[in-house]
Structure formats: C-alpha cells, structure tokens
C-alpha cells in the first residue's frame, strides 16, 4: 500500500460502512466491553489477565451510513460497572461475540474518552456520543 494514501469521500465512507456493519452481524445487538490493563497486540489476540469492567450495548443498527468517512453511532445502552478499575481499552463485539475491533480508552486524546475512566463497581457507565472515522489522508 502507498505510504501516504489519500482516499476519496466515497472510499472512506465505504470502508467505514463495512467496518461498522460488522457490529450488526452475529444475530443480535453488538456491544463494547471496557477493560483495564494493556490492550492486546491485535484485535485477533485473546484477552489475557485484563478485567472486564463494564459492557455497553449498541442499538440493533449500531451506526448510520457514513458520510465523508465518518459514521455516528445510534443510541448506546449504558450499564453499571461490574468491577472497579481504570478502563484503558475496549473491544467491540458482534452480537454473537465475534470481535470487530479494539480501541484505546482514557480521558483525552484516546479513541474513546470519558470524564473519568476510573470505573467503580455499581457506578453508571454511559456513552453519549461515538463516531468511527476512516481518515481520508
């Protein structure tokens, strides 16, 4: 692949739609689990000693159609934290548990940002907005 690819709006949106459509696969609503510890090397790497802190559930159709390489999530059902810890990464799943992607979690400049990424057992975990961007350059 080129060292400095520059996608058209159509190419970036098509790629994004393919990625976000995977979340809707698997016979049910997809979900996102927030973990502590080190993010695995790839999304194909099994989870090790990381602790699942909280699970939020995507709508049956997780994302609207991408525009200009950006797709916005439909509403996401929040949850209560099942464990206490610092969320440092998340794995996105299809409804049947198939992995779609991993991303970083923090309080700024990460893929998913919370006001506080320190979760306490029983505390509410809510996602008010989420977008997936396939960069054009």
C-alpha atoms as a PDB file:
ATOM      1  CA  UNK A   1       0.000   0.000   0.000  1.00  0.00           C
ATOM      2  CA  UNK A   2       1.104   3.534  -0.595  1.00  0.00           C
ATOM      3  CA  UNK A   3       2.929   5.228   2.269  1.00  0.00           C
ATOM      4  CA  UNK A   4       0.601   8.246   2.115  1.00  0.00           C
ATOM      5  CA  UNK A   5      -2.800   7.110   0.783  1.00  0.00           C
ATOM      6  CA  UNK A   6      -5.496   9.687   0.135  1.00  0.00           C
ATOM      7  CA  UNK A   7      -8.977   8.234  -0.041  1.00  0.00           C
ATOM      8  CA  UNK A   8     -11.964   9.831  -1.682  1.00  0.00           C
ATOM      9  CA  UNK A   9     -15.042  10.558   0.428  1.00  0.00           C
ATOM     10  CA  UNK A  10     -16.725   7.582  -1.228  1.00  0.00           C
ATOM     11  CA  UNK A  11     -13.850   5.188  -0.487  1.00  0.00           C
ATOM     12  CA  UNK A  12     -13.547   6.311   3.153  1.00  0.00           C
ATOM     13  CA  UNK A  13     -17.305   6.047   3.683  1.00  0.00           C
ATOM     14  CA  UNK A  14     -17.490   2.621   2.020  1.00  0.00           C
ATOM     15  CA  UNK A  15     -14.671   1.323   4.230  1.00  0.00           C
ATOM     16  CA  UNK A  16     -16.348   2.763   7.320  1.00  0.00           C
ATOM     17  CA  UNK A  17     -19.718   1.235   6.423  1.00  0.00           C
ATOM     18  CA  UNK A  18     -18.060  -2.181   6.029  1.00  0.00           C
ATOM     19  CA  UNK A  19     -16.429  -1.916   9.475  1.00  0.00           C
ATOM     20  CA  UNK A  20     -19.467  -0.636  11.341  1.00  0.00           C
ATOM     21  CA  UNK A  21     -21.794  -3.155   9.623  1.00  0.00           C
ATOM     22  CA  UNK A  22     -19.793  -5.958  11.244  1.00  0.00           C
ATOM     23  CA  UNK A  23     -21.092  -4.832  14.644  1.00  0.00           C
ATOM     24  CA  UNK A  24     -24.641  -5.614  13.476  1.00  0.00           C
ATOM     25  CA  UNK A  25     -23.641  -9.166  12.482  1.00  0.00           C
ATOM     26  CA  UNK A  26     -23.899 -12.195  14.680  1.00  0.00           C
ATOM     27  CA  UNK A  27     -27.598 -12.422  15.349  1.00  0.00           C
ATOM     28  CA  UNK A  28     -28.098  -9.650  17.885  1.00  0.00           C
ATOM     29  CA  UNK A  29     -27.033  -6.229  19.024  1.00  0.00           C
ATOM     30  CA  UNK A  30     -23.294  -5.695  19.210  1.00  0.00           C
ATOM     31  CA  UNK A  31     -21.638  -4.499  22.380  1.00  0.00           C
ATOM     32  CA  UNK A  32     -18.496  -2.879  23.699  1.00  0.00           C
ATOM     33  CA  UNK A  33     -16.615  -4.100  26.772  1.00  0.00           C
ATOM     34  CA  UNK A  34     -14.231  -1.804  28.631  1.00  0.00           C
ATOM     35  CA  UNK A  35     -11.134  -3.413  30.133  1.00  0.00           C
ATOM     36  CA  UNK A  36      -8.242  -2.483  32.364  1.00  0.00           C
ATOM     37  CA  UNK A  37      -4.636  -3.420  31.635  1.00  0.00           C
ATOM     38  CA  UNK A  38      -2.729  -3.457  28.375  1.00  0.00           C
ATOM     39  CA  UNK A  39      -4.524  -3.502  25.037  1.00  0.00           C
ATOM     40  CA  UNK A  40      -3.717  -6.709  23.123  1.00  0.00           C
ATOM     41  CA  UNK A  41      -1.266  -6.537  20.219  1.00  0.00           C
ATOM     42  CA  UNK A  42      -4.092  -7.025  17.696  1.00  0.00           C
ATOM     43  CA  UNK A  43      -7.856  -7.413  17.859  1.00  0.00           C
ATOM     44  CA  UNK A  44      -7.269 -11.086  16.973  1.00  0.00           C
ATOM     45  CA  UNK A  45      -5.239 -11.607  20.173  1.00  0.00           C
ATOM     46  CA  UNK A  46      -7.055 -13.364  23.010  1.00  0.00           C
ATOM     47  CA  UNK A  47      -7.749 -11.429  26.172  1.00  0.00           C
ATOM     48  CA  UNK A  48      -5.397 -12.361  28.985  1.00  0.00           C
ATOM     49  CA  UNK A  49      -5.466 -11.114  32.560  1.00  0.00           C
ATOM     50  CA  UNK A  50      -7.340  -7.909  31.707  1.00  0.00           C
ATOM     51  CA  UNK A  51     -10.500  -7.371  33.751  1.00  0.00           C
ATOM     52  CA  UNK A  52     -13.821  -6.594  32.059  1.00  0.00           C
ATOM     53  CA  UNK A  53     -15.112  -3.502  33.844  1.00  0.00           C
ATOM     54  CA  UNK A  54     -18.358  -2.683  32.034  1.00  0.00           C
ATOM     55  CA  UNK A  55     -20.390  -3.620  28.955  1.00  0.00           C
ATOM     56  CA  UNK A  56     -22.469  -1.191  26.889  1.00  0.00           C
ATOM     57  CA  UNK A  57     -24.794  -2.365  24.117  1.00  0.00           C
ATOM     58  CA  UNK A  58     -25.179  -0.869  20.649  1.00  0.00           C
ATOM     59  CA  UNK A  59     -28.605  -0.386  19.048  1.00  0.00           C
ATOM     60  CA  UNK A  60     -29.773  -3.166  16.705  1.00  0.00           C
ATOM     61  CA  UNK A  61     -28.404  -0.991  13.879  1.00  0.00           C
ATOM     62  CA  UNK A  62     -25.276   0.310  15.555  1.00  0.00           C
ATOM     63  CA  UNK A  63     -24.289   3.090  13.134  1.00  0.00           C
ATOM     64  CA  UNK A  64     -25.902   5.195  10.466  1.00  0.00           C
ATOM     65  CA  UNK A  65     -24.430   5.363   6.982  1.00  0.00           C
ATOM     66  CA  UNK A  66     -21.021   7.014   6.873  1.00  0.00           C
ATOM     67  CA  UNK A  67     -20.607  10.392   5.269  1.00  0.00           C
ATOM     68  CA  UNK A  68     -17.229  11.848   4.390  1.00  0.00           C
ATOM     69  CA  UNK A  69     -15.618   8.836   6.103  1.00  0.00           C
ATOM     70  CA  UNK A  70     -17.442   9.370   9.421  1.00  0.00           C
ATOM     71  CA  UNK A  71     -20.214   7.206  10.908  1.00  0.00           C
ATOM     72  CA  UNK A  72     -22.158   8.182  14.025  1.00  0.00           C
ATOM     73  CA  UNK A  73     -23.464   5.594  16.457  1.00  0.00           C
ATOM     74  CA  UNK A  74     -27.154   5.264  17.175  1.00  0.00           C
ATOM     75  CA  UNK A  75     -28.038   5.280  20.863  1.00  0.00           C
ATOM     76  CA  UNK A  76     -25.930   3.041  23.062  1.00  0.00           C
ATOM     77  CA  UNK A  77     -27.371   1.443  26.182  1.00  0.00           C
ATOM     78  CA  UNK A  78     -25.254   2.248  29.217  1.00  0.00           C
ATOM     79  CA  UNK A  79     -24.552  -0.116  32.059  1.00  0.00           C
ATOM     80  CA  UNK A  80     -23.282  -0.289  35.582  1.00  0.00           C
ATOM     81  CA  UNK A  81     -19.672  -1.223  36.149  1.00  0.00           C
ATOM     82  CA  UNK A  82     -19.282  -4.829  37.213  1.00  0.00           C
ATOM     83  CA  UNK A  83     -15.773  -4.291  38.563  1.00  0.00           C
ATOM     84  CA  UNK A  84     -13.555  -1.494  39.816  1.00  0.00           C
ATOM     85  CA  UNK A  85     -10.555  -0.415  37.767  1.00  0.00           C
ATOM     86  CA  UNK A  86      -9.157   2.003  35.220  1.00  0.00           C
ATOM     87  CA  UNK A  87     -10.532   1.495  31.708  1.00  0.00           C
ATOM     88  CA  UNK A  88      -7.605   1.682  29.287  1.00  0.00           C
ATOM     89  CA  UNK A  89      -9.031  -0.062  26.233  1.00  0.00           C
ATOM     90  CA  UNK A  90     -12.203  -1.566  24.810  1.00  0.00           C
ATOM     91  CA  UNK A  91     -13.143  -4.387  22.480  1.00  0.00           C
ATOM     92  CA  UNK A  92     -16.154  -4.082  20.177  1.00  0.00           C
ATOM     93  CA  UNK A  93     -18.117  -7.262  19.508  1.00  0.00           C
ATOM     94  CA  UNK A  94     -20.811  -8.610  17.239  1.00  0.00           C
ATOM     95  CA  UNK A  95     -23.938  -9.911  18.955  1.00  0.00           C
ATOM     96  CA  UNK A  96     -22.561 -13.468  18.861  1.00  0.00           C
ATOM     97  CA  UNK A  97     -19.279 -12.452  20.493  1.00  0.00           C
ATOM     98  CA  UNK A  98     -17.173 -12.145  17.347  1.00  0.00           C
ATOM     99  CA  UNK A  99     -14.516  -9.452  17.717  1.00  0.00           C
ATOM    100  CA  UNK A 100     -14.714  -6.403  15.445  1.00  0.00           C
ATOM    101  CA  UNK A 101     -12.053  -4.038  16.781  1.00  0.00           C
ATOM    102  CA  UNK A 102     -10.063  -2.830  19.778  1.00  0.00           C
ATOM    103  CA  UNK A 103      -9.564   0.806  20.737  1.00  0.00           C
ATOM    104  CA  UNK A 104      -7.904   2.890  23.421  1.00  0.00           C
ATOM    105  CA  UNK A 105      -9.829   4.459  26.323  1.00  0.00           C
ATOM    106  CA  UNK A 106      -8.902   7.412  28.507  1.00  0.00           C
ATOM    107  CA  UNK A 107      -9.914  10.961  29.384  1.00  0.00           C
ATOM    108  CA  UNK A 108      -8.431  12.821  26.387  1.00  0.00           C
ATOM    109  CA  UNK A 109      -6.733  12.130  23.054  1.00  0.00           C
ATOM    110  CA  UNK A 110      -7.843   8.461  23.034  1.00  0.00           C
ATOM    111  CA  UNK A 111     -10.284   6.620  20.782  1.00  0.00           C
ATOM    112  CA  UNK A 112     -12.983   6.692  23.497  1.00  0.00           C
ATOM    113  CA  UNK A 113     -12.857   9.433  26.130  1.00  0.00           C
ATOM    114  CA  UNK A 114     -14.739   9.584  29.418  1.00  0.00           C
ATOM    115  CA  UNK A 115     -14.859  12.344  32.024  1.00  0.00           C
ATOM    116  CA  UNK A 116     -13.215   9.729  34.245  1.00  0.00           C
ATOM    117  CA  UNK A 117     -12.004   6.347  33.056  1.00  0.00           C
ATOM    118  CA  UNK A 118     -11.804   5.052  36.636  1.00  0.00           C
ATOM    119  CA  UNK A 119     -14.834   2.809  36.981  1.00  0.00           C
ATOM    120  CA  UNK A 120     -16.249   1.725  40.348  1.00  0.00           C
ATOM    121  CA  UNK A 121     -18.425  -1.336  40.852  1.00  0.00           C
ATOM    122  CA  UNK A 122     -22.071  -0.328  40.559  1.00  0.00           C
ATOM    123  CA  UNK A 123     -21.363   3.096  39.007  1.00  0.00           C
ATOM    124  CA  UNK A 124     -23.141   4.129  35.815  1.00  0.00           C
ATOM    125  CA  UNK A 125     -21.152   3.901  32.557  1.00  0.00           C
ATOM    126  CA  UNK A 126     -22.740   5.846  29.707  1.00  0.00           C
ATOM    127  CA  UNK A 127     -21.657   6.694  26.178  1.00  0.00           C
ATOM    128  CA  UNK A 128     -23.379   9.844  24.973  1.00  0.00           C
ATOM    129  CA  UNK A 129     -21.718  10.069  21.553  1.00  0.00           C
ATOM    130  CA  UNK A 130     -19.493   7.810  19.477  1.00  0.00           C
ATOM    131  CA  UNK A 131     -18.156   8.172  15.946  1.00  0.00           C
ATOM    132  CA  UNK A 132     -15.940   5.999  13.778  1.00  0.00           C
ATOM    133  CA  UNK A 133     -13.711   7.849  11.334  1.00  0.00           C
ATOM    134  CA  UNK A 134     -11.833   6.324   8.401  1.00  0.00           C
ATOM    135  CA  UNK A 135      -9.268   9.019   7.636  1.00  0.00           C
ATOM    136  CA  UNK A 136      -9.033  10.181   4.063  1.00  0.00           C
ATOM    137  CA  UNK A 137      -5.366  11.143   4.367  1.00  0.00           C
END
